[in-house]
């Protein structure tokens, strides 16, 4: 499924670049990925074998009114090829490919509570310093880390979470 999503995303990016609409399509793809991730009913509807492709298509076009022609053509293509269930993956892969083509690195910061604007700016500066590239910050809240943060930029991960520190202490005590 991931390989198919990458192929579709590459094709859409190529078409969008040819038509100088890559940025607009990226906004559409971000909206689609976020909306499906946040809405379990929409996700279930897309995965349902009971709901007809035409209903799925009309629902998507109604939910995402005003999307770029390239994006609506992707929906048509996925419906025709009976692959509409991977639209969220395609949208995510498109955004990754678009960011990579623009030299933008995405940093994921996991915290126990929401980041303040000041802290977000500090994380952004640190990530830019680490990568030497423009960076956007994607924030995830995970209360299980208890406190601190986990910063992931590409293949680099810096874990300064309290749960990680507690795990290290626990291992030290069980080894000795």
Protein backbone atom coordinates (compact mmCIF):
# COMPACT_ATOMS: atom_id res chain seq x y z
CA UNK A 1 0.00 0.00 0.00
CA UNK A 2 2.84 2.42 0.83
CA UNK A 3 4.54 1.77 -2.52
CA UNK A 4 1.33 2.48 -4.39
CA UNK A 5 0.83 5.68 -2.38
CA UNK A 6 4.35 6.83 -3.27
CA UNK A 7 3.76 6.14 -6.97
CA UNK A 8 0.53 8.13 -7.00
CA UNK A 9 2.14 10.95 -4.99
CA UNK A 10 5.09 11.16 -7.41
CA UNK A 11 2.75 11.25 -10.39
CA UNK A 12 0.60 13.98 -8.86
CA UNK A 13 3.67 16.03 -7.92
CA UNK A 14 4.99 15.73 -11.46
CA UNK A 15 1.67 16.89 -12.93
CA UNK A 16 1.37 19.70 -10.36
CA UNK A 17 4.91 20.89 -11.13
CA UNK A 18 4.15 20.87 -14.87
CA UNK A 19 1.07 23.01 -14.22
CA UNK A 20 2.79 25.26 -11.62
CA UNK A 21 0.22 24.26 -9.01
CA UNK A 22 2.46 22.19 -6.70
CA UNK A 23 2.02 24.58 -3.75
CA UNK A 24 -1.77 24.73 -4.08
CA UNK A 25 -1.94 20.94 -4.39
CA UNK A 26 0.31 20.64 -1.31
CA UNK A 27 -2.21 22.70 0.68
CA UNK A 28 -4.99 20.40 -0.55
CA UNK A 29 -3.00 17.29 0.36
CA UNK A 30 -2.20 18.61 3.83
CA UNK A 31 -5.90 19.39 4.36
CA UNK A 32 -6.95 15.93 3.14
CA UNK A 33 -4.39 14.06 5.27
CA UNK A 34 -5.23 16.07 8.40
CA UNK A 35 -9.00 15.84 7.91
CA UNK A 36 -8.95 12.07 7.41
CA UNK A 37 -6.56 11.58 10.36
CA UNK A 38 -8.81 13.64 12.64
CA UNK A 39 -12.14 12.20 11.48
CA UNK A 40 -12.64 8.50 12.21
CA UNK A 41 -16.03 8.42 10.45
CA UNK A 42 -14.50 9.74 7.22
CA UNK A 43 -11.65 7.24 7.48
CA UNK A 44 -14.08 4.37 8.07
CA UNK A 45 -16.26 5.50 5.15
CA UNK A 46 -13.26 5.43 2.79
CA UNK A 47 -12.27 1.94 3.96
CA UNK A 48 -15.80 0.52 3.86
CA UNK A 49 -16.45 -2.06 1.14
CA UNK A 50 -20.19 -1.49 1.56
CA UNK A 51 -20.20 2.17 0.50
CA UNK A 52 -20.11 2.59 -3.27
CA UNK A 53 -17.22 4.41 -4.96
CA UNK A 54 -19.61 7.05 -6.34
CA UNK A 55 -20.80 7.92 -2.82
CA UNK A 56 -17.19 8.08 -1.60
CA UNK A 57 -16.30 10.38 -4.50
CA UNK A 58 -19.24 12.73 -3.98
CA UNK A 59 -18.56 12.83 -0.22
CA UNK A 60 -14.90 13.73 -0.76
CA UNK A 61 -15.70 16.39 -3.35
CA UNK A 62 -18.33 17.86 -1.02
CA UNK A 63 -16.02 17.85 2.00
CA UNK A 64 -13.09 19.31 0.05
CA UNK A 65 -14.88 21.94 -2.02
CA UNK A 66 -12.61 24.34 -3.85
CA UNK A 67 -9.67 21.97 -4.21
CA UNK A 68 -7.32 22.24 -7.15
CA UNK A 69 -8.20 20.42 -10.39
CA UNK A 70 -5.10 18.22 -10.01
CA UNK A 71 -6.33 17.11 -6.58
CA UNK A 72 -9.86 16.36 -7.81
CA UNK A 73 -8.34 14.42 -10.73
CA UNK A 74 -6.40 12.35 -8.19
CA UNK A 75 -9.68 11.53 -6.41
CA UNK A 76 -11.19 10.48 -9.77
CA UNK A 77 -8.17 8.31 -10.57
CA UNK A 78 -8.18 6.64 -7.15
CA UNK A 79 -11.92 5.94 -7.48
CA UNK A 80 -11.48 4.52 -10.98
CA UNK A 81 -8.59 2.30 -9.87
CA UNK A 82 -10.47 1.21 -6.70
CA UNK A 83 -7.69 2.67 -4.51
CA UNK A 84 -9.55 5.53 -2.78
CA UNK A 85 -8.77 3.84 0.55
CA UNK A 86 -5.13 5.01 0.22
CA UNK A 87 -5.89 8.70 -0.39
CA UNK A 88 -4.66 9.68 3.08
CA UNK A 89 -1.34 7.90 2.47
CA UNK A 90 -1.02 9.47 -0.98
CA UNK A 91 -1.66 12.91 0.51
CA UNK A 92 0.98 12.38 3.23
CA UNK A 93 3.55 11.08 0.73
CA UNK A 94 2.84 14.00 -1.59
CA UNK A 95 3.55 16.47 1.21
CA UNK A 96 6.81 14.66 2.06
CA UNK A 97 7.91 14.69 -1.60
CA UNK A 98 6.90 18.34 -2.00
CA UNK A 99 8.86 19.36 1.11
CA UNK A 100 11.90 17.40 -0.07
CA UNK A 101 11.73 19.07 -3.50
CA UNK A 102 11.72 22.48 -1.80
CA UNK A 103 14.57 21.54 0.55
CA UNK A 104 12.29 21.69 3.58
CA UNK A 105 12.94 19.28 6.43
CA UNK A 106 10.10 18.32 8.76
CA UNK A 107 10.88 18.09 12.47
CA UNK A 108 8.49 16.17 14.68
CA UNK A 109 8.36 17.23 18.31
CA UNK A 110 6.53 15.02 20.78
CA UNK A 111 5.65 16.64 24.11
CA UNK A 112 3.41 15.79 27.04
CA UNK A 113 1.61 19.15 26.71
CA UNK A 114 1.09 21.60 23.85
CA UNK A 115 4.13 23.63 22.78
CA UNK A 116 4.13 27.35 23.53
CA UNK A 117 5.01 29.68 20.66
CA UNK A 118 8.30 30.54 22.37
CA UNK A 119 9.28 26.90 22.78
CA UNK A 120 8.20 26.11 19.22
CA UNK A 121 10.52 28.88 17.95
CA UNK A 122 13.42 27.47 19.98
CA UNK A 123 12.80 23.97 18.60
CA UNK A 124 12.62 25.38 15.07
CA UNK A 125 15.97 27.15 15.51
CA UNK A 126 17.61 24.03 16.96
CA UNK A 127 16.30 21.86 14.13
CA UNK A 128 17.56 24.38 11.52
CA UNK A 129 20.94 24.36 13.27
CA UNK A 130 21.06 20.53 13.17
CA UNK A 131 20.05 20.13 9.53
CA UNK A 132 21.20 23.34 7.86
CA UNK A 133 17.87 23.37 5.99
CA UNK A 134 14.57 25.17 6.31
CA UNK A 135 12.50 23.27 8.83
CA UNK A 136 8.82 23.06 9.65
CA UNK A 137 7.73 21.75 13.03
CA UNK A 138 5.04 19.12 13.40
CA UNK A 139 3.90 18.91 17.02
CA UNK A 140 2.50 15.74 18.61
CA UNK A 141 1.11 15.53 22.13
CA UNK A 142 1.74 12.24 23.92
CA UNK A 143 1.06 12.31 27.65
CA UNK A 144 2.84 8.97 28.14
CA UNK A 145 6.25 10.67 27.88
CA UNK A 146 5.35 12.44 31.16
CA UNK A 147 7.47 15.54 30.44
CA UNK A 148 10.38 16.80 28.38
CA UNK A 149 10.31 16.20 24.63
CA UNK A 150 11.35 13.94 21.76
CA UNK A 151 12.73 15.70 18.67
CA UNK A 152 12.92 13.77 15.42
CA UNK A 153 14.43 15.34 12.30
CA UNK A 154 14.84 12.88 9.43
CA UNK A 155 16.92 9.99 10.79
CA UNK A 156 18.06 11.90 13.88
CA UNK A 157 16.16 11.50 17.14
CA UNK A 158 16.88 13.30 20.39
CA UNK A 159 14.93 11.86 23.31
CA UNK A 160 14.81 14.16 26.34
CA UNK A 161 11.58 12.74 27.73
CA UNK A 162 11.14 11.94 31.40
CA UNK A 163 9.80 8.47 30.56
CA UNK A 164 13.05 7.75 28.65
CA UNK A 165 15.15 8.88 31.61
CA UNK A 166 13.08 6.69 33.95
CA UNK A 167 13.55 3.72 31.62
CA UNK A 168 17.33 4.25 31.64
CA UNK A 169 17.35 4.34 35.44
CA UNK A 170 15.23 1.20 35.56
CA UNK A 171 17.65 -0.64 33.24
CA UNK A 172 20.63 0.47 35.32
CA UNK A 173 19.05 -0.91 38.49
CA UNK A 174 18.05 -4.22 36.91
CA UNK A 175 21.47 -4.81 35.32
CA UNK A 176 23.43 -4.34 38.56
